[in-house]
């Protein structure tokens, strides 16, 4: 792992545990075993670190969704199953980044917050399209329900994993996603 990624991982861990406001550049440098001035070789200011932590959280989610949407051979229910699974797996792989995204985004500038809100809206819209496609192909599933509300519920359930998941559990992210998907299908 290169030094920049190592520093971002350390910063994400600290900010996930203590919050953006309670983590200083000195805290990050101390944890990394480097001098604070060395941080400025990689990052110009603390907000830049926060932005890159959030970028990692979103990058994987967007890439995974793009791959799901490109799979034309999959039926909509299977697309939803894969999207939910990849969402949870990505969340667990980058749990500190996701916790920072969910809890600390308020600390970034309005311009950057608007950018991330657009990414989030686009991501949610992809889920809405999958739900709409399911409604068209399955007369029972989600009948009479608002697609956007369904998506909010699915994503809230999935994102909640970041609050309670601990590595080393007897159930991994794929098994959790399978349980969630079965709950969703019991609609």
N, C-alpha and C. Protein backbone atom coordinates (compact mmCIF):
# COMPACT_ATOMS: atom_id res chain seq x y z
N UNK A 1 0.86 -1.17 0.00
CA UNK A 1 0.00 0.00 0.00
C UNK A 1 0.92 1.24 0.00
N UNK A 2 0.61 2.17 -0.90
CA UNK A 2 1.45 3.37 -0.94
C UNK A 2 1.14 4.28 0.26
N UNK A 3 2.03 5.23 0.48
CA UNK A 3 1.92 6.09 1.67
C UNK A 3 0.63 6.91 1.70
N UNK A 4 0.21 7.42 0.55
CA UNK A 4 -1.01 8.23 0.49
C UNK A 4 -2.21 7.39 0.92
N UNK A 5 -2.33 6.17 0.39
CA UNK A 5 -3.45 5.29 0.76
C UNK A 5 -3.38 4.94 2.24
N UNK A 6 -2.18 4.70 2.74
CA UNK A 6 -2.01 4.39 4.16
C UNK A 6 -2.50 5.56 5.02
N UNK A 7 -2.13 6.76 4.64
CA UNK A 7 -2.56 7.95 5.40
C UNK A 7 -4.08 8.13 5.35
N UNK A 8 -4.67 7.89 4.19
CA UNK A 8 -6.13 8.00 4.08
C UNK A 8 -6.83 6.94 4.93
N UNK A 9 -6.28 5.74 4.95
CA UNK A 9 -6.86 4.67 5.76
C UNK A 9 -6.79 5.03 7.25
N UNK A 10 -5.65 5.56 7.67
CA UNK A 10 -5.49 5.98 9.07
C UNK A 10 -6.47 7.11 9.38
N UNK A 11 -6.54 8.10 8.52
CA UNK A 11 -7.44 9.24 8.74
C UNK A 11 -8.90 8.78 8.78
N UNK A 12 -9.28 7.88 7.88
CA UNK A 12 -10.65 7.37 7.86
C UNK A 12 -10.97 6.65 9.16
N UNK A 13 -10.05 5.86 9.63
CA UNK A 13 -10.25 5.13 10.89
C UNK A 13 -10.45 6.10 12.06
N UNK A 14 -9.56 7.10 12.13
CA UNK A 14 -9.65 8.07 13.21
C UNK A 14 -10.95 8.87 13.14
N UNK A 15 -11.29 9.35 11.93
CA UNK A 15 -12.50 10.17 11.78
C UNK A 15 -13.76 9.35 11.99
N UNK A 16 -13.71 8.08 11.64
CA UNK A 16 -14.86 7.19 11.87
C UNK A 16 -15.11 7.03 13.36
N UNK A 17 -14.04 6.94 14.13
CA UNK A 17 -14.16 6.73 15.58
C UNK A 17 -14.41 8.02 16.36
N UNK A 18 -13.70 9.11 15.99
CA UNK A 18 -13.73 10.33 16.79
C UNK A 18 -14.51 11.48 16.16
N UNK A 19 -14.73 11.41 14.85
CA UNK A 19 -15.37 12.52 14.16
C UNK A 19 -14.35 13.46 13.55
N UNK A 20 -14.73 14.11 12.50
CA UNK A 20 -13.84 15.00 11.76
C UNK A 20 -13.29 16.12 12.65
N UNK A 21 -14.13 16.75 13.41
CA UNK A 21 -13.72 17.90 14.24
C UNK A 21 -12.71 17.51 15.31
N UNK A 22 -12.80 16.29 15.80
CA UNK A 22 -11.93 15.87 16.90
C UNK A 22 -10.64 15.18 16.44
N UNK A 23 -10.39 15.17 15.13
CA UNK A 23 -9.16 14.59 14.60
C UNK A 23 -8.33 15.72 13.99
N UNK A 24 -7.12 15.83 14.45
CA UNK A 24 -6.22 16.86 13.92
C UNK A 24 -5.23 16.23 12.95
N UNK A 25 -4.59 17.08 12.18
CA UNK A 25 -3.53 16.59 11.30
C UNK A 25 -2.42 15.96 12.14
N UNK A 26 -2.18 16.51 13.32
CA UNK A 26 -1.17 15.94 14.21
C UNK A 26 -1.56 14.52 14.64
N UNK A 27 -2.86 14.29 14.93
CA UNK A 27 -3.32 12.94 15.28
C UNK A 27 -3.00 11.95 14.17
N UNK A 28 -3.30 12.37 12.94
CA UNK A 28 -3.06 11.49 11.78
C UNK A 28 -1.57 11.21 11.63
N UNK A 29 -0.76 12.27 11.72
CA UNK A 29 0.70 12.10 11.59
C UNK A 29 1.24 11.20 12.69
N UNK A 30 0.79 11.41 13.92
CA UNK A 30 1.25 10.57 15.04
C UNK A 30 0.92 9.11 14.81
N UNK A 31 -0.31 8.85 14.39
CA UNK A 31 -0.74 7.47 14.16
C UNK A 31 0.06 6.82 13.02
N UNK A 32 0.42 7.64 12.02
CA UNK A 32 1.18 7.13 10.88
C UNK A 32 2.68 7.04 11.18
N UNK A 33 3.11 7.65 12.28
CA UNK A 33 4.52 7.62 12.63
C UNK A 33 5.36 8.55 11.76
N UNK A 34 4.76 9.66 11.34
CA UNK A 34 5.48 10.63 10.51
C UNK A 34 5.39 12.01 11.15
N UNK A 35 6.19 12.91 10.66
CA UNK A 35 6.11 14.29 11.12
C UNK A 35 4.91 14.96 10.44
N UNK A 36 4.25 15.85 11.17
CA UNK A 36 3.07 16.55 10.64
C UNK A 36 3.37 17.23 9.30
N UNK A 37 4.53 17.82 9.15
CA UNK A 37 4.87 18.51 7.90
C UNK A 37 4.90 17.56 6.71
N UNK A 38 5.16 16.29 6.95
CA UNK A 38 5.16 15.30 5.87
C UNK A 38 3.75 15.14 5.29
N UNK A 39 2.73 15.31 6.11
CA UNK A 39 1.35 15.23 5.61
C UNK A 39 1.10 16.22 4.48
N UNK A 40 1.71 17.39 4.59
CA UNK A 40 1.49 18.42 3.58
C UNK A 40 2.09 18.06 2.22
N UNK A 41 2.95 17.07 2.21
CA UNK A 41 3.45 16.55 0.94
C UNK A 41 2.33 15.83 0.18
N UNK A 42 1.39 15.26 0.93
CA UNK A 42 0.29 14.48 0.34
C UNK A 42 -1.02 15.25 0.27
N UNK A 43 -1.26 16.11 1.25
CA UNK A 43 -2.54 16.82 1.34
C UNK A 43 -2.29 18.28 1.72
N UNK A 44 -2.99 19.18 1.04
CA UNK A 44 -2.80 20.61 1.31
C UNK A 44 -3.53 21.06 2.57
N UNK A 45 -4.67 20.43 2.87
CA UNK A 45 -5.45 20.81 4.05
C UNK A 45 -6.30 19.61 4.50
N UNK A 46 -6.84 19.73 5.67
CA UNK A 46 -7.61 18.64 6.28
C UNK A 46 -8.85 18.29 5.46
N UNK A 47 -9.53 19.31 4.90
CA UNK A 47 -10.73 19.01 4.11
C UNK A 47 -10.39 18.12 2.91
N UNK A 48 -9.22 18.28 2.34
CA UNK A 48 -8.81 17.44 1.21
C UNK A 48 -8.77 15.96 1.63
N UNK A 49 -8.33 15.71 2.83
CA UNK A 49 -8.32 14.33 3.34
C UNK A 49 -9.74 13.82 3.44
N UNK A 50 -10.62 14.63 4.02
CA UNK A 50 -12.03 14.25 4.15
C UNK A 50 -12.64 13.96 2.78
N UNK A 51 -12.38 14.81 1.80
CA UNK A 51 -12.93 14.62 0.45
C UNK A 51 -12.44 13.30 -0.16
N UNK A 52 -11.19 12.99 0.03
CA UNK A 52 -10.67 11.75 -0.55
C UNK A 52 -11.19 10.51 0.18
N UNK A 53 -11.44 10.62 1.46
CA UNK A 53 -12.08 9.52 2.20
C UNK A 53 -13.47 9.27 1.64
N UNK A 54 -14.22 10.34 1.41
CA UNK A 54 -15.57 10.21 0.86
C UNK A 54 -15.52 9.68 -0.57
N UNK A 55 -14.54 10.13 -1.35
CA UNK A 55 -14.38 9.62 -2.72
C UNK A 55 -14.24 8.10 -2.74
N UNK A 56 -13.46 7.56 -1.83
CA UNK A 56 -13.27 6.10 -1.76
C UNK A 56 -14.61 5.42 -1.51
N UNK A 57 -15.40 5.96 -0.59
CA UNK A 57 -16.70 5.37 -0.27
C UNK A 57 -17.61 5.34 -1.49
N UNK A 58 -17.67 6.45 -2.21
CA UNK A 58 -18.56 6.53 -3.37
C UNK A 58 -18.03 5.79 -4.59
N UNK A 59 -16.73 5.82 -4.79
CA UNK A 59 -16.15 5.23 -6.01
C UNK A 59 -16.53 3.76 -6.18
N UNK A 60 -16.40 3.00 -5.13
CA UNK A 60 -16.70 1.57 -5.21
C UNK A 60 -18.18 1.34 -5.46
N UNK A 61 -19.03 2.09 -4.78
CA UNK A 61 -20.48 1.92 -4.97
C UNK A 61 -20.88 2.22 -6.41
N UNK A 62 -20.38 3.31 -6.95
CA UNK A 62 -20.74 3.71 -8.31
C UNK A 62 -20.21 2.70 -9.33
N UNK A 63 -18.98 2.25 -9.15
CA UNK A 63 -18.39 1.25 -10.06
C UNK A 63 -19.21 -0.03 -10.04
N UNK A 64 -19.57 -0.49 -8.84
CA UNK A 64 -20.37 -1.71 -8.73
C UNK A 64 -21.73 -1.57 -9.41
N UNK A 65 -22.39 -0.43 -9.21
CA UNK A 65 -23.70 -0.21 -9.82
C UNK A 65 -23.57 -0.16 -11.34
N UNK A 66 -22.54 0.49 -11.84
CA UNK A 66 -22.33 0.54 -13.29
C UNK A 66 -22.21 -0.86 -13.88
N UNK A 67 -21.49 -1.73 -13.17
CA UNK A 67 -21.34 -3.12 -13.64
C UNK A 67 -22.67 -3.85 -13.65
N UNK A 68 -23.48 -3.65 -12.63
CA UNK A 68 -24.80 -4.29 -12.57
C UNK A 68 -25.68 -3.82 -13.72
N UNK A 69 -25.69 -2.54 -13.97
CA UNK A 69 -26.55 -1.98 -15.02
C UNK A 69 -26.13 -2.43 -16.41
N UNK A 70 -24.86 -2.72 -16.60
CA UNK A 70 -24.36 -3.16 -17.92
C UNK A 70 -24.75 -4.60 -18.24
N UNK A 71 -25.11 -5.36 -17.22
CA UNK A 71 -25.46 -6.77 -17.42
C UNK A 71 -26.88 -6.88 -17.98
N UNK A 72 -26.98 -6.92 -19.27
CA UNK A 72 -28.29 -6.96 -19.94
C UNK A 72 -28.98 -8.32 -19.80
N UNK A 73 -28.19 -9.36 -19.54
CA UNK A 73 -28.76 -10.71 -19.45
C UNK A 73 -29.47 -10.98 -18.13
N UNK A 74 -29.25 -10.13 -17.15
CA UNK A 74 -29.85 -10.35 -15.84
C UNK A 74 -31.29 -9.85 -15.80
N UNK A 75 -32.14 -10.62 -15.15
CA UNK A 75 -33.52 -10.16 -14.92
C UNK A 75 -33.47 -9.12 -13.80
N UNK A 76 -34.45 -8.23 -13.73
CA UNK A 76 -34.41 -7.14 -12.74
C UNK A 76 -34.25 -7.61 -11.29
N UNK A 77 -34.92 -8.70 -10.89
CA UNK A 77 -34.77 -9.18 -9.51
C UNK A 77 -33.33 -9.57 -9.21
N UNK A 78 -32.67 -10.19 -10.18
CA UNK A 78 -31.28 -10.58 -10.00
C UNK A 78 -30.38 -9.34 -9.94
N UNK A 79 -30.71 -8.32 -10.72
CA UNK A 79 -29.95 -7.07 -10.65
C UNK A 79 -30.06 -6.47 -9.25
N UNK A 80 -31.27 -6.51 -8.69
CA UNK A 80 -31.46 -5.97 -7.35
C UNK A 80 -30.66 -6.78 -6.33
N UNK A 81 -30.70 -8.09 -6.44
CA UNK A 81 -29.95 -8.95 -5.51
C UNK A 81 -28.45 -8.62 -5.57
N UNK A 82 -27.93 -8.51 -6.78
CA UNK A 82 -26.50 -8.22 -6.94
C UNK A 82 -26.18 -6.80 -6.45
N UNK A 83 -27.05 -5.83 -6.76
CA UNK A 83 -26.81 -4.45 -6.32
C UNK A 83 -26.79 -4.37 -4.79
N UNK A 84 -27.72 -5.04 -4.12
CA UNK A 84 -27.77 -5.04 -2.66
C UNK A 84 -26.51 -5.71 -2.10
N UNK A 85 -26.14 -6.85 -2.68
CA UNK A 85 -24.95 -7.57 -2.21
C UNK A 85 -23.70 -6.73 -2.38
N UNK A 86 -23.51 -6.17 -3.55
CA UNK A 86 -22.31 -5.37 -3.79
C UNK A 86 -22.29 -4.11 -2.92
N UNK A 87 -23.45 -3.55 -2.66
CA UNK A 87 -23.53 -2.38 -1.79
C UNK A 87 -23.02 -2.74 -0.39
N UNK A 88 -23.52 -3.84 0.15
CA UNK A 88 -23.13 -4.23 1.51
C UNK A 88 -21.67 -4.67 1.55
N UNK A 89 -21.22 -5.42 0.56
CA UNK A 89 -19.82 -5.85 0.54
C UNK A 89 -18.90 -4.63 0.47
N UNK A 90 -19.21 -3.69 -0.38
CA UNK A 90 -18.41 -2.48 -0.51
C UNK A 90 -18.42 -1.68 0.79
N UNK A 91 -19.58 -1.58 1.39
CA UNK A 91 -19.72 -0.87 2.66
C UNK A 91 -18.81 -1.49 3.72
N UNK A 92 -18.81 -2.81 3.82
CA UNK A 92 -17.99 -3.50 4.82
C UNK A 92 -16.50 -3.34 4.51
N UNK A 93 -16.14 -3.43 3.22
CA UNK A 93 -14.74 -3.28 2.84
C UNK A 93 -14.20 -1.89 3.17
N UNK A 94 -15.07 -0.89 3.11
CA UNK A 94 -14.65 0.50 3.34
C UNK A 94 -15.49 1.12 4.47
N UNK A 95 -15.67 0.35 5.53
CA UNK A 95 -16.61 0.75 6.59
C UNK A 95 -16.25 2.09 7.24
N UNK A 96 -14.97 2.34 7.44
CA UNK A 96 -14.58 3.62 8.04
C UNK A 96 -14.90 4.76 7.09
N UNK A 97 -14.63 4.58 5.80
CA UNK A 97 -14.94 5.62 4.82
C UNK A 97 -16.45 5.90 4.78
N UNK A 98 -17.24 4.84 4.82
CA UNK A 98 -18.70 4.98 4.78
C UNK A 98 -19.20 5.69 6.04
N UNK A 99 -18.66 5.33 7.19
CA UNK A 99 -19.06 6.01 8.41
C UNK A 99 -18.72 7.50 8.37
N UNK A 100 -17.55 7.81 7.81
CA UNK A 100 -17.17 9.22 7.66
C UNK A 100 -18.13 9.91 6.70
N UNK A 101 -18.43 9.26 5.57
CA UNK A 101 -19.38 9.82 4.61
C UNK A 101 -20.72 10.10 5.29
N UNK A 102 -21.24 9.12 5.99
CA UNK A 102 -22.57 9.26 6.60
C UNK A 102 -22.62 10.28 7.73
N UNK A 103 -21.51 10.45 8.45
CA UNK A 103 -21.55 11.29 9.65
C UNK A 103 -20.81 12.62 9.54
N UNK A 104 -19.92 12.76 8.57
CA UNK A 104 -19.06 13.94 8.55
C UNK A 104 -19.17 14.80 7.29
N UNK A 105 -20.06 14.44 6.38
CA UNK A 105 -20.16 15.19 5.12
C UNK A 105 -20.54 16.65 5.37
N UNK A 106 -21.14 16.92 6.50
CA UNK A 106 -21.55 18.30 6.82
C UNK A 106 -20.36 19.24 6.95
N UNK A 107 -19.17 18.69 7.09
CA UNK A 107 -17.97 19.52 7.26
C UNK A 107 -17.33 19.97 5.94
N UNK A 108 -17.86 19.53 4.83
CA UNK A 108 -17.25 19.93 3.56
C UNK A 108 -17.99 21.14 2.98
N UNK A 109 -17.33 21.81 2.07
CA UNK A 109 -17.90 23.01 1.48
C UNK A 109 -19.18 22.69 0.73
N UNK A 110 -20.01 23.69 0.54
CA UNK A 110 -21.28 23.52 -0.16
C UNK A 110 -21.06 22.98 -1.58
N UNK A 111 -20.04 23.49 -2.24
CA UNK A 111 -19.73 23.04 -3.61
C UNK A 111 -19.48 21.53 -3.66
N UNK A 112 -18.66 21.04 -2.74
CA UNK A 112 -18.37 19.62 -2.72
C UNK A 112 -19.57 18.81 -2.25
N UNK A 113 -20.30 19.35 -1.29
CA UNK A 113 -21.51 18.66 -0.80
C UNK A 113 -22.52 18.50 -1.93
N UNK A 114 -22.66 19.53 -2.76
CA UNK A 114 -23.57 19.45 -3.91
C UNK A 114 -23.12 18.36 -4.88
N UNK A 115 -21.82 18.26 -5.10
CA UNK A 115 -21.28 17.22 -5.99
C UNK A 115 -21.64 15.83 -5.46
N UNK A 116 -21.42 15.61 -4.18
CA UNK A 116 -21.72 14.30 -3.60
C UNK A 116 -23.21 14.03 -3.55
N UNK A 117 -24.01 15.06 -3.33
CA UNK A 117 -25.46 14.88 -3.35
C UNK A 117 -25.93 14.45 -4.73
N UNK A 118 -25.32 14.97 -5.77
CA UNK A 118 -25.66 14.56 -7.14
C UNK A 118 -25.29 13.10 -7.38
N UNK A 119 -24.12 12.69 -6.90
CA UNK A 119 -23.71 11.28 -7.04
C UNK A 119 -24.70 10.39 -6.32
N UNK A 120 -25.08 10.78 -5.08
CA UNK A 120 -26.03 9.98 -4.29
C UNK A 120 -27.38 9.89 -5.00
N UNK A 121 -27.86 11.01 -5.53
CA UNK A 121 -29.16 11.00 -6.24
C UNK A 121 -29.11 10.09 -7.46
N UNK A 122 -28.02 10.15 -8.20
CA UNK A 122 -27.87 9.29 -9.39
C UNK A 122 -27.85 7.81 -8.98
N UNK A 123 -27.13 7.51 -7.90
CA UNK A 123 -27.05 6.15 -7.39
C UNK A 123 -28.44 5.66 -6.98
N UNK A 124 -29.16 6.48 -6.24
CA UNK A 124 -30.53 6.12 -5.83
C UNK A 124 -31.42 5.92 -7.05
N UNK A 125 -31.26 6.77 -8.05
CA UNK A 125 -32.08 6.68 -9.27
C UNK A 125 -31.85 5.35 -9.99
N UNK A 126 -30.62 4.85 -9.96
CA UNK A 126 -30.35 3.54 -10.56
C UNK A 126 -31.14 2.44 -9.83
N UNK A 127 -31.18 2.53 -8.52
CA UNK A 127 -31.99 1.57 -7.75
C UNK A 127 -33.47 1.72 -8.10
N UNK A 128 -33.94 2.96 -8.22
CA UNK A 128 -35.35 3.20 -8.57
C UNK A 128 -35.65 2.55 -9.92
N UNK A 129 -34.76 2.69 -10.88
CA UNK A 129 -34.97 2.08 -12.20
C UNK A 129 -35.05 0.57 -12.12
N UNK A 130 -34.22 -0.03 -11.27
CA UNK A 130 -34.28 -1.48 -11.09
C UNK A 130 -35.63 -1.88 -10.48
N UNK A 131 -36.07 -1.14 -9.47
CA UNK A 131 -37.37 -1.43 -8.84
C UNK A 131 -38.50 -1.27 -9.86
N UNK A 132 -38.45 -0.21 -10.66
CA UNK A 132 -39.47 -0.01 -11.70
C UNK A 132 -39.48 -1.17 -12.69
N UNK A 133 -38.30 -1.65 -13.06
CA UNK A 133 -38.22 -2.80 -13.97
C UNK A 133 -38.79 -4.06 -13.33
N UNK A 134 -38.57 -4.23 -12.03
CA UNK A 134 -39.16 -5.38 -11.32
C UNK A 134 -40.68 -5.28 -11.36
N UNK A 135 -41.20 -4.09 -11.11
CA UNK A 135 -42.65 -3.90 -11.13
C UNK A 135 -43.24 -4.27 -12.50
N UNK A 136 -42.51 -3.99 -13.56
CA UNK A 136 -42.99 -4.29 -14.91
C UNK A 136 -42.98 -5.79 -15.20
N UNK A 137 -42.04 -6.51 -14.60
CA UNK A 137 -41.89 -7.93 -14.92
C UNK A 137 -42.50 -8.86 -13.88
N UNK A 138 -42.79 -8.35 -12.69
CA UNK A 138 -43.33 -9.18 -11.62
C UNK A 138 -44.56 -8.46 -11.06
N UNK A 139 -45.71 -8.98 -11.38
CA UNK A 139 -46.94 -8.28 -11.02
C UNK A 139 -47.18 -8.23 -9.51
N UNK A 140 -46.49 -9.05 -8.73
CA UNK A 140 -46.72 -9.10 -7.29
C UNK A 140 -45.74 -8.23 -6.50
N UNK A 141 -44.48 -8.29 -6.86
CA UNK A 141 -43.44 -7.63 -6.07
C UNK A 141 -43.52 -6.11 -6.19
N UNK A 142 -43.62 -5.44 -5.08
CA UNK A 142 -43.65 -3.98 -4.96
C UNK A 142 -44.90 -3.33 -5.55
N UNK A 143 -45.90 -4.13 -5.87
CA UNK A 143 -47.14 -3.60 -6.46
C UNK A 143 -47.73 -2.50 -5.58
N UNK A 144 -48.06 -1.37 -6.21
CA UNK A 144 -48.72 -0.27 -5.53
C UNK A 144 -47.84 0.54 -4.60
N UNK A 145 -46.55 0.26 -4.59
CA UNK A 145 -45.64 0.98 -3.68
C UNK A 145 -44.80 1.98 -4.46
N UNK A 146 -44.49 3.09 -3.84
CA UNK A 146 -43.66 4.12 -4.45
C UNK A 146 -42.21 3.62 -4.54
N UNK A 147 -41.67 3.60 -5.74
CA UNK A 147 -40.31 3.06 -5.97
C UNK A 147 -39.25 3.80 -5.18
N UNK A 148 -39.36 5.10 -5.08
CA UNK A 148 -38.35 5.90 -4.37
C UNK A 148 -38.36 5.55 -2.87
N UNK A 149 -39.55 5.38 -2.30
CA UNK A 149 -39.65 5.02 -0.88
C UNK A 149 -39.07 3.62 -0.65
N UNK A 150 -39.33 2.71 -1.58
CA UNK A 150 -38.75 1.36 -1.49
C UNK A 150 -37.23 1.46 -1.47
N UNK A 151 -36.68 2.26 -2.36
CA UNK A 151 -35.22 2.42 -2.45
C UNK A 151 -34.68 3.03 -1.16
N UNK A 152 -35.34 4.05 -0.63
CA UNK A 152 -34.89 4.64 0.63
C UNK A 152 -34.86 3.58 1.73
N UNK A 153 -35.86 2.72 1.77
CA UNK A 153 -35.90 1.66 2.77
C UNK A 153 -34.78 0.66 2.59
N UNK A 154 -34.56 0.25 1.35
CA UNK A 154 -33.49 -0.72 1.06
C UNK A 154 -32.14 -0.14 1.43
N UNK A 155 -31.88 1.09 1.00
CA UNK A 155 -30.58 1.69 1.28
C UNK A 155 -30.39 1.98 2.77
N UNK A 156 -31.46 2.37 3.47
CA UNK A 156 -31.35 2.59 4.91
C UNK A 156 -30.99 1.29 5.62
N UNK A 157 -31.63 0.21 5.21
CA UNK A 157 -31.35 -1.10 5.80
C UNK A 157 -29.90 -1.49 5.53
N UNK A 158 -29.48 -1.34 4.28
CA UNK A 158 -28.10 -1.71 3.91
C UNK A 158 -27.08 -0.81 4.61
N UNK A 159 -27.31 0.49 4.60
CA UNK A 159 -26.36 1.42 5.20
C UNK A 159 -26.27 1.26 6.71
N UNK A 160 -27.33 0.75 7.31
CA UNK A 160 -27.32 0.50 8.75
C UNK A 160 -26.26 -0.51 9.16
N UNK A 161 -25.86 -1.37 8.24
CA UNK A 161 -24.82 -2.36 8.52
C UNK A 161 -23.55 -1.68 9.01
N UNK A 162 -23.25 -0.50 8.49
CA UNK A 162 -22.03 0.22 8.88
C UNK A 162 -22.02 0.57 10.36
N UNK A 163 -23.19 0.65 10.97
CA UNK A 163 -23.27 1.01 12.39
C UNK A 163 -23.00 -0.18 13.31
N UNK A 164 -23.32 -1.39 12.86
CA UNK A 164 -23.20 -2.53 13.77
C UNK A 164 -22.26 -3.64 13.31
N UNK A 165 -21.84 -3.63 12.07
CA UNK A 165 -21.01 -4.72 11.57
C UNK A 165 -19.62 -4.68 12.19
N UNK A 166 -19.14 -5.83 12.61
CA UNK A 166 -17.78 -5.98 13.13
C UNK A 166 -17.11 -7.11 12.35
N UNK A 167 -15.88 -6.87 11.92
CA UNK A 167 -15.14 -7.92 11.21
C UNK A 167 -14.99 -9.13 12.12
N UNK A 168 -15.01 -10.30 11.49
CA UNK A 168 -14.87 -11.51 12.26
C UNK A 168 -16.19 -12.09 12.74
N UNK A 169 -17.29 -11.47 12.37
CA UNK A 169 -18.60 -12.02 12.72
C UNK A 169 -18.75 -13.38 12.05
N UNK A 170 -19.61 -14.19 12.59
CA UNK A 170 -19.82 -15.49 11.96
C UNK A 170 -20.52 -15.37 10.62
N UNK A 171 -21.15 -14.24 10.38
CA UNK A 171 -21.80 -13.99 9.09
C UNK A 171 -21.06 -12.88 8.37
N UNK A 172 -20.72 -13.15 7.11
CA UNK A 172 -20.05 -12.14 6.30
C UNK A 172 -21.05 -11.27 5.57
N UNK A 173 -20.55 -10.29 4.84
CA UNK A 173 -21.43 -9.35 4.15
C UNK A 173 -22.33 -10.02 3.11
N UNK A 174 -21.85 -11.07 2.45
CA UNK A 174 -22.67 -11.76 1.45
C UNK A 174 -23.87 -12.44 2.10
N UNK A 175 -23.64 -13.06 3.26
CA UNK A 175 -24.74 -13.73 3.96
C UNK A 175 -25.76 -12.71 4.48
N UNK A 176 -25.26 -11.59 4.96
CA UNK A 176 -26.15 -10.52 5.42
C UNK A 176 -26.99 -10.01 4.25
N UNK A 177 -26.34 -9.79 3.11
CA UNK A 177 -27.05 -9.32 1.91
C UNK A 177 -28.11 -10.33 1.49
N UNK A 178 -27.81 -11.61 1.60
CA UNK A 178 -28.78 -12.65 1.23
C UNK A 178 -30.01 -12.58 2.13
N UNK A 179 -29.80 -12.40 3.42
CA UNK A 179 -30.93 -12.27 4.35
C UNK A 179 -31.75 -11.03 4.01
N UNK A 180 -31.07 -9.91 3.78
CA UNK A 180 -31.77 -8.68 3.43
C UNK A 180 -32.58 -8.85 2.16
N UNK A 181 -31.99 -9.50 1.15
CA UNK A 181 -32.70 -9.66 -0.11
C UNK A 181 -33.93 -10.54 0.07
N UNK A 182 -33.82 -11.59 0.88
CA UNK A 182 -34.99 -12.43 1.14
C UNK A 182 -36.07 -11.64 1.87
N UNK A 183 -35.68 -10.73 2.76
CA UNK A 183 -36.66 -9.87 3.44
C UNK A 183 -37.35 -8.95 2.42
N UNK A 184 -36.56 -8.40 1.52
CA UNK A 184 -37.11 -7.49 0.50
C UNK A 184 -38.11 -8.23 -0.38
N UNK A 185 -37.79 -9.45 -0.76
CA UNK A 185 -38.66 -10.23 -1.65
C UNK A 185 -39.95 -10.67 -0.98
N UNK A 186 -39.98 -10.70 0.33
CA UNK A 186 -41.19 -11.12 1.05
C UNK A 186 -42.24 -10.04 1.08
N UNK A 187 -41.96 -8.96 0.45
CA UNK A 187 -42.84 -7.80 0.33
C UNK A 187 -44.28 -8.20 0.28
